[in-house]
Amino acid sequence: MEITNGSPYYVKLAYKLLVIFFICYFIIASKSILLPFTFATLLAVLLLPLTNFLESKKIPRVLSIFISLFLSVSIIATVIYFLSTQIARFVDDIPSIQKNLEEHFVQIQNWIKNKMHISFRKQNEYLNTAADKIKASGTGYITNTFYTITEVIMLTILLPIYTFLILYYRDLIRRFLFSVFRREHGEKVATVITESKKMINNYMLGLLMEMGIVAVCNSFGLLMLGIKYAVFFGVLAAVLNIIPYIGMFIATLFTVLITLTTSDNSSDIIWVVVIMYGIHILDVNILMPKIVASKVRINALISILGVVIGGALAGLPGLFLSVPTIAMTKIICDQVDDLHPWGMLLGDDITPKSKLYQRLKQLRKGKTVKTDV
């Protein structure tokens, strides 16, 4: 059956839904190939200004790309080294953590016994049952962990290789993109390429700004409580905050464990959770939409929906890649006439410009104007 402009609406809708289904299936089936290449593309765009600057100084392209990659890898390695050395120090506090955990666990058991009238024997039975279930499903967790570690190793190996090759063959890729489309669309293709590069840089800038604000707020709040390694945990929470939901949980868990080693007061643990999740809520509802999403000019509703869909399709990497992917989709929609309504939906311009709206606005102010609707 041929789909034309004269086809019924339900036929065209079914065709579009079918295309979306196959695109989602393709992403799920080939994410192990797509994700490293996509991250490499983002990194290549970020390193492009530095590479162009080095080439303008008469440095060969291969050496310029190598220097850019070396600097970026060095920065990432420095952050990882800082976090890993700090975590290594926590190993010395494990006996103290265990001792304080036992004391707090006894307090919790006493509270449950007094308030809920559940004996110690029944509480232990519940815990043993839960432990047996965890052991029974341990094989699945081990398998998932193995695959996750394997994906991380593959990403670490392929990321610099892909990035180097994308930067090296960038002129060839650009000529290919212009050759795919008709000559009359050359201006629109150039606009999409330029706006996409600008968007990626703005998005990463916004992400760094958000991480800086979250790090400062978390560090200040933990310092006010007198928490050990407060600055480190503030930075850790900001870094892990890139991973929605899970990242903040891990950072809070580490902070609570260290608090158990330095404080016998259970209220400090409660305040740690309140401060870190309070800042997280402000970040999700204010900083993320205003700073990060505003840099890519998409509205908060679409950005949140995109994060959910990205996580469902590609897991944790999909959560990170969803916002720039939606922004690039909006850039393409803005350049294609038939897709302008979708670009408007993805954008954050909520100011109506219709004459009807202007007339209603004037009537609310008690003024009567004559306009053609």
Protein backbone atom coordinates (compact mmCIF):
# COMPACT_ATOMS: atom_id res chain seq x y z
CA MET A 1 0.00 0.00 0.00
CA GLU A 2 1.41 3.38 -1.01
CA ILE A 3 1.27 6.21 1.53
CA THR A 4 0.45 9.57 -0.10
CA ASN A 5 -0.78 12.97 1.07
CA GLY A 6 -4.30 11.85 0.16
CA SER A 7 -4.19 8.77 2.38
CA PRO A 8 -6.52 8.69 5.41
CA TYR A 9 -5.12 10.18 8.60
CA TYR A 10 -5.22 6.90 10.51
CA VAL A 11 -3.12 5.25 7.78
CA LYS A 12 -0.45 7.95 7.96
CA LEU A 13 -0.52 7.82 11.77
CA ALA A 14 -0.09 4.05 11.77
CA TYR A 15 2.83 4.39 9.36
CA LYS A 16 4.53 6.98 11.60
CA LEU A 17 4.03 4.83 14.71
CA LEU A 18 5.49 1.85 12.86
CA VAL A 19 8.58 3.88 11.92
CA ILE A 20 9.01 5.02 15.53
CA PHE A 21 8.72 1.41 16.71
CA PHE A 22 11.46 0.21 14.34
CA ILE A 23 13.71 3.12 15.35
CA CYS A 24 13.32 2.22 19.04
CA TYR A 25 13.93 -1.45 18.29
CA PHE A 26 17.05 -0.55 16.33
CA ILE A 27 18.38 1.54 19.24
CA ILE A 28 17.80 -1.30 21.73
CA ALA A 29 19.33 -3.95 19.46
CA SER A 30 22.43 -1.96 18.48
CA LYS A 31 23.08 0.19 21.57
CA SER A 32 26.41 -1.54 22.20
CA ILE A 33 27.57 -0.11 18.86
CA LEU A 34 25.72 3.20 18.90
CA LEU A 35 26.58 4.36 22.42
CA PRO A 36 30.41 4.44 22.10
CA PHE A 37 30.12 6.17 18.73
CA THR A 38 27.63 8.72 20.08
CA PHE A 39 29.81 9.57 23.10
CA ALA A 40 32.80 9.85 20.78
CA THR A 41 30.87 12.28 18.58
CA LEU A 42 30.07 14.48 21.59
CA LEU A 43 33.69 14.42 22.72
CA ALA A 44 34.90 15.18 19.18
CA VAL A 45 32.64 18.23 18.97
CA LEU A 46 33.93 19.47 22.35
CA LEU A 47 37.55 19.04 21.26
CA LEU A 48 37.01 20.56 17.82
CA PRO A 49 37.72 24.21 18.83
CA LEU A 50 40.99 23.20 20.51
CA THR A 51 41.98 21.05 17.56
CA ASN A 52 41.26 23.85 15.09
CA PHE A 53 43.28 26.27 17.23
CA LEU A 54 46.28 23.96 17.29
CA GLU A 55 46.06 23.39 13.54
CA SER A 56 45.95 27.16 12.98
CA LYS A 57 49.36 27.27 14.70
CA LYS A 58 50.78 25.06 11.93
CA ILE A 59 50.66 21.91 14.06
CA PRO A 60 49.88 18.78 12.00
CA ARG A 61 46.34 17.45 12.29
CA VAL A 62 47.35 14.11 13.76
CA LEU A 63 49.45 15.76 16.47
CA SER A 64 46.73 18.35 17.19
CA ILE A 65 44.13 15.65 17.70
CA PHE A 66 46.51 13.64 19.87
CA ILE A 67 47.23 16.66 22.10
CA SER A 68 43.51 17.41 22.48
CA LEU A 69 42.73 13.80 23.36
CA PHE A 70 45.64 13.65 25.78
CA LEU A 71 44.45 16.75 27.65
CA SER A 72 40.86 15.50 27.87
CA VAL A 73 41.90 12.03 29.04
CA SER A 74 44.25 13.62 31.60
CA ILE A 75 41.44 15.71 33.08
CA ILE A 76 39.11 12.72 33.29
CA ALA A 77 41.86 10.56 34.79
CA THR A 78 42.62 13.24 37.39
CA VAL A 79 38.99 13.34 38.54
CA ILE A 80 38.84 9.55 38.69
CA TYR A 81 42.14 9.41 40.60
CA PHE A 82 40.91 11.99 43.13
CA LEU A 83 37.71 10.04 43.75
CA SER A 84 39.45 6.66 43.92
CA THR A 85 42.13 7.83 46.40
CA GLN A 86 39.49 9.29 48.67
CA ILE A 87 37.46 6.11 48.52
CA ALA A 88 40.59 4.11 49.39
CA ARG A 89 40.85 6.07 52.63
CA PHE A 90 37.38 4.97 53.61
CA VAL A 91 38.52 1.35 53.73
CA ASP A 92 40.38 2.15 56.95
CA ASP A 93 37.07 3.23 58.53
CA ILE A 94 35.28 -0.07 57.82
CA PRO A 95 35.66 -1.45 61.40
CA SER A 96 34.25 1.77 62.80
CA ILE A 97 31.44 1.71 60.24
CA GLN A 98 30.54 -1.85 61.23
CA LYS A 99 30.55 -1.01 64.93
CA ASN A 100 28.30 2.01 64.51
CA LEU A 101 26.01 0.12 62.15
CA GLU A 102 25.48 -2.56 64.79
CA GLU A 103 24.66 0.05 67.42
CA HIS A 104 22.18 1.87 65.18
CA PHE A 105 20.68 -1.44 64.07
CA VAL A 106 20.00 -2.38 67.69
CA GLN A 107 18.32 0.99 68.22
CA ILE A 108 16.12 0.46 65.18
CA GLN A 109 15.15 -3.02 66.35
CA ASN A 110 14.21 -1.68 69.79
CA TRP A 111 12.11 1.07 68.20
CA ILE A 112 10.28 -1.47 66.00
CA LYS A 113 9.67 -3.72 68.99
CA ASN A 114 8.28 -0.88 71.14
CA LYS A 115 6.21 0.87 68.47
CA MET A 116 5.08 -1.99 66.23
CA HIS A 117 5.21 -4.84 68.79
CA ILE A 118 7.31 -7.08 66.54
CA SER A 119 9.65 -9.32 68.50
CA PHE A 120 13.36 -9.64 67.77
CA ARG A 121 12.82 -13.23 66.63
CA LYS A 122 10.29 -12.23 63.96
CA GLN A 123 12.48 -9.36 62.80
CA ASN A 124 15.41 -11.74 62.36
CA GLU A 125 13.18 -14.16 60.45
CA TYR A 126 12.20 -11.39 58.04
CA LEU A 127 15.85 -10.44 57.53
CA ASN A 128 16.90 -14.05 56.95
CA THR A 129 14.12 -14.51 54.39
CA ALA A 130 15.20 -11.37 52.54
CA ALA A 131 18.83 -12.53 52.61
CA ASP A 132 17.85 -15.90 51.13
CA LYS A 133 16.01 -14.18 48.28
CA ILE A 134 19.03 -12.02 47.52
CA LYS A 135 21.29 -15.09 47.46
CA ALA A 136 18.85 -16.92 45.18
CA SER A 137 18.96 -14.10 42.64
CA GLY A 138 22.67 -13.46 43.08
CA THR A 139 23.57 -15.14 39.80
CA GLY A 140 21.51 -12.61 37.88
CA TYR A 141 23.15 -9.69 39.66
CA ILE A 142 26.62 -11.13 39.00
CA THR A 143 25.80 -11.62 35.32
CA ASN A 144 24.45 -8.08 34.96
CA THR A 145 27.50 -6.69 36.74
CA PHE A 146 29.80 -8.64 34.42
CA TYR A 147 28.07 -7.26 31.33
CA THR A 148 28.17 -3.73 32.77
CA ILE A 149 31.92 -3.96 33.44
CA THR A 150 32.46 -5.34 29.95
CA GLU A 151 30.55 -2.44 28.39
CA VAL A 152 32.59 0.08 30.41
CA ILE A 153 35.86 -1.52 29.25
CA MET A 154 34.73 -1.51 25.62
CA LEU A 155 33.64 2.13 25.93
CA THR A 156 37.01 3.08 27.43
CA ILE A 157 38.88 1.42 24.55
CA LEU A 158 36.66 2.53 21.67
CA LEU A 159 35.94 6.10 22.83
CA PRO A 160 39.40 7.60 22.11
CA ILE A 161 39.72 5.61 18.86
CA TYR A 162 36.36 6.79 17.54
CA THR A 163 37.04 10.35 18.67
CA PHE A 164 40.40 10.46 16.92
CA LEU A 165 38.98 9.11 13.66
CA ILE A 166 35.96 11.47 13.72
CA LEU A 167 38.24 14.47 14.17
CA TYR A 168 40.67 13.24 11.53
CA TYR A 169 38.00 12.58 8.90
CA ARG A 170 35.74 15.52 9.83
CA ASP A 171 36.13 17.20 6.43
CA LEU A 172 35.17 13.97 4.67
CA ILE A 173 32.13 13.55 6.94
CA ARG A 174 31.07 17.14 6.26
CA ARG A 175 31.34 16.66 2.47
CA PHE A 176 29.32 13.46 2.80
CA LEU A 177 26.50 15.24 4.63
CA PHE A 178 26.34 17.92 1.95
CA SER A 179 26.40 15.32 -0.83
CA VAL A 180 23.55 13.27 0.62
CA PHE A 181 21.04 16.11 0.23
CA ARG A 182 20.17 18.14 -2.81
CA ARG A 183 22.17 21.24 -3.60
CA GLU A 184 19.25 23.58 -2.82
CA HIS A 185 19.21 22.23 0.76
CA GLY A 186 22.89 23.05 1.32
CA GLU A 187 22.14 26.14 3.40
CA LYS A 188 19.83 24.20 5.71
CA VAL A 189 22.38 21.41 6.11
CA ALA A 190 25.03 23.96 7.04
CA THR A 191 22.65 25.51 9.58
CA VAL A 192 21.93 22.11 11.16
CA ILE A 193 25.65 21.33 11.46
CA THR A 194 26.51 24.74 12.92
CA GLU A 195 23.60 24.80 15.37
CA SER A 196 24.28 21.22 16.48
CA LYS A 197 27.90 22.02 17.33
CA LYS A 198 26.83 25.14 19.21
CA MET A 199 24.12 23.21 21.06
CA ILE A 200 26.51 20.47 22.21
CA ASN A 201 28.99 23.01 23.54
CA ASN A 202 26.23 24.97 25.32
CA TYR A 203 24.78 21.80 26.79
CA MET A 204 28.10 20.67 28.22
CA LEU A 205 28.71 24.20 29.57
CA GLY A 206 25.33 24.14 31.27
CA LEU A 207 26.03 20.70 32.69
CA LEU A 208 29.34 21.89 34.16
CA MET A 209 27.63 24.95 35.66
CA GLU A 210 25.00 22.75 37.25
CA MET A 211 27.63 20.38 38.65
CA GLY A 212 29.54 23.32 40.12
CA ILE A 213 26.47 24.74 41.87
CA VAL A 214 25.46 21.33 43.24
CA ALA A 215 29.02 20.67 44.46
CA VAL A 216 29.21 24.01 46.29
CA CYS A 217 25.75 23.62 47.90
CA ASN A 218 26.39 20.04 49.02
CA SER A 219 29.86 20.85 50.36
CA PHE A 220 28.57 23.87 52.30
CA GLY A 221 25.68 21.92 53.80
CA LEU A 222 27.89 19.01 54.87
CA LEU A 223 30.53 21.38 56.28
CA MET A 224 27.83 23.01 58.41
CA LEU A 225 27.07 19.57 59.86
CA GLY A 226 30.77 18.85 60.46
CA ILE A 227 30.78 15.77 58.22
CA LYS A 228 34.16 14.21 57.50
CA TYR A 229 35.31 14.56 53.87
CA ALA A 230 32.52 17.10 53.28
CA VAL A 231 34.10 18.69 50.19
CA PHE A 232 34.83 15.30 48.66
CA PHE A 233 31.25 14.13 49.11
CA GLY A 234 29.94 17.40 47.73
CA VAL A 235 32.00 16.89 44.56
CA LEU A 236 31.10 13.19 44.39
CA ALA A 237 27.38 13.98 44.60
CA ALA A 238 27.72 16.56 41.82
CA VAL A 239 29.56 14.10 39.56
CA LEU A 240 27.20 11.21 40.24
CA ASN A 241 24.23 13.54 39.80
CA ILE A 242 24.78 13.16 36.05
CA ILE A 243 23.20 9.73 36.53
CA PRO A 244 19.59 10.53 37.51
CA TYR A 245 18.04 8.76 40.51
CA ILE A 246 20.83 6.22 41.11
CA GLY A 247 23.71 8.71 41.27
CA MET A 248 22.33 10.74 44.15
CA PHE A 249 21.38 7.56 46.03
CA ILE A 250 24.97 6.25 45.82
CA ALA A 251 26.45 9.59 46.93
CA THR A 252 24.03 9.81 49.86
CA LEU A 253 24.78 6.22 50.88
CA PHE A 254 28.53 6.87 51.00
CA THR A 255 28.00 10.05 53.02
CA VAL A 256 25.76 8.28 55.51
CA LEU A 257 28.32 5.51 56.00
CA ILE A 258 31.08 7.99 56.79
CA THR A 259 28.77 9.89 59.12
CA LEU A 260 28.25 6.66 61.05
CA THR A 261 32.00 6.53 61.71
CA THR A 262 32.25 10.04 63.12
CA SER A 263 28.96 10.60 64.92
CA ASP A 264 26.92 8.68 67.44
CA ASN A 265 23.92 10.93 66.92
CA SER A 266 21.31 9.48 64.58
CA SER A 267 19.98 12.97 63.82
CA ASP A 268 23.16 13.75 61.84
CA ILE A 269 22.31 10.92 59.45
CA ILE A 270 18.81 12.28 59.00
CA TRP A 271 20.15 15.78 58.32
CA VAL A 272 22.60 14.43 55.73
CA VAL A 273 19.75 12.79 53.84
CA VAL A 274 17.56 15.90 54.15
CA ILE A 275 20.27 18.27 52.91
CA MET A 276 21.48 16.15 49.99
CA TYR A 277 18.04 15.20 48.74
CA GLY A 278 16.74 18.72 49.36
CA ILE A 279 19.47 20.08 47.10
CA HIS A 280 18.74 17.28 44.62
CA ILE A 281 15.06 18.24 44.47
CA LEU A 282 15.96 21.89 43.87
CA ASP A 283 18.40 20.79 41.17
CA VAL A 284 15.87 18.62 39.35
CA ASN A 285 13.09 21.20 39.49
CA ILE A 286 15.04 24.47 39.09
CA LEU A 287 18.69 24.10 38.05
CA MET A 288 18.28 21.34 35.47
CA PRO A 289 15.36 22.93 33.55
CA LYS A 290 16.71 26.49 33.78
CA ILE A 291 20.45 25.98 33.29
CA VAL A 292 20.91 22.77 31.33
CA ALA A 293 17.67 22.50 29.36
CA SER A 294 17.69 26.25 28.61
CA LYS A 295 21.09 25.90 26.93
CA VAL A 296 19.55 23.52 24.41
CA ARG A 297 16.24 25.40 24.16
CA ILE A 298 13.84 22.56 24.90
CA ASN A 299 11.05 22.71 27.44
CA ALA A 300 11.15 20.93 30.79
CA LEU A 301 8.28 18.55 29.95
CA ILE A 302 9.99 17.19 26.85
CA SER A 303 13.39 17.00 28.59
CA ILE A 304 11.97 14.93 31.47
CA LEU A 305 10.01 12.71 29.09
CA GLY A 306 13.12 12.29 26.95
CA VAL A 307 15.19 11.24 29.97
CA VAL A 308 12.63 8.57 30.84
CA ILE A 309 12.48 7.26 27.26
CA GLY A 310 16.27 7.37 26.92
CA GLY A 311 16.70 5.36 30.10
CA ALA A 312 14.17 2.78 28.91
CA LEU A 313 15.90 2.38 25.53
CA ALA A 314 19.60 2.55 26.42
CA GLY A 315 19.91 2.45 30.20
CA LEU A 316 22.12 4.93 32.06
CA PRO A 317 23.93 6.20 28.92
CA GLY A 318 20.52 6.94 27.41
CA LEU A 319 19.69 9.18 30.37
CA PHE A 320 22.73 11.31 29.62
CA LEU A 321 22.33 11.36 25.82
CA SER A 322 18.59 12.02 25.74
CA VAL A 323 18.72 15.82 26.14
CA PRO A 324 21.29 16.55 23.38
CA THR A 325 19.51 14.07 21.11
CA ILE A 326 16.19 15.88 21.56
CA ALA A 327 17.92 19.22 20.98
CA MET A 328 19.44 17.99 17.71
CA THR A 329 16.01 16.67 16.68
CA LYS A 330 14.57 20.13 17.30
CA ILE A 331 17.28 21.75 15.18
CA ILE A 332 16.43 19.41 12.29
CA CYS A 333 12.69 19.98 12.71
CA ASP A 334 13.19 23.75 12.58
CA GLN A 335 14.90 23.42 9.18
CA VAL A 336 12.30 21.09 7.60
CA ASP A 337 9.02 22.77 6.69
CA ASP A 338 6.85 19.70 7.30
CA LEU A 339 8.38 19.22 10.77
CA HIS A 340 7.97 22.80 12.05
CA PRO A 341 5.08 21.86 14.40
CA TRP A 342 7.27 19.22 16.07
CA GLY A 343 10.07 21.73 16.49
CA MET A 344 7.59 24.11 18.12
CA LEU A 345 6.46 21.35 20.49
CA LEU A 346 10.03 20.57 21.54
CA GLY A 347 10.91 24.24 22.09
CA ASP A 348 10.36 26.38 25.17
CA ASP A 349 8.65 29.37 23.54
CA ILE A 350 5.29 29.54 25.33
CA THR A 351 4.37 33.10 24.28
CA PRO A 352 1.35 32.98 21.98
CA LYS A 353 1.39 35.47 19.15
CA SER A 354 -2.12 35.09 17.76
CA LYS A 355 -4.47 38.05 17.36
CA LEU A 356 -7.08 36.23 19.42
CA TYR A 357 -4.68 36.06 22.36
CA GLN A 358 -3.82 39.76 22.02
CA ARG A 359 -7.50 40.69 22.00
CA LEU A 360 -8.26 38.58 25.09
CA LYS A 361 -5.29 40.15 26.85
CA GLN A 362 -6.56 43.65 26.11
CA LEU A 363 -10.09 42.74 27.25
CA ARG A 364 -8.71 41.52 30.58
CA LYS A 365 -7.20 44.97 31.07
CA GLY A 366 -10.56 46.56 30.36
CA LYS A 367 -9.59 47.88 26.92
CA THR A 368 -11.52 47.33 23.72
CA VAL A 369 -9.57 47.02 20.50
CA LYS A 370 -10.65 46.12 16.98
CA THR A 371 -8.69 43.27 15.50
CA ASP A 372 -9.36 40.80 12.73
CA VAL A 373 -9.39 37.23 13.99
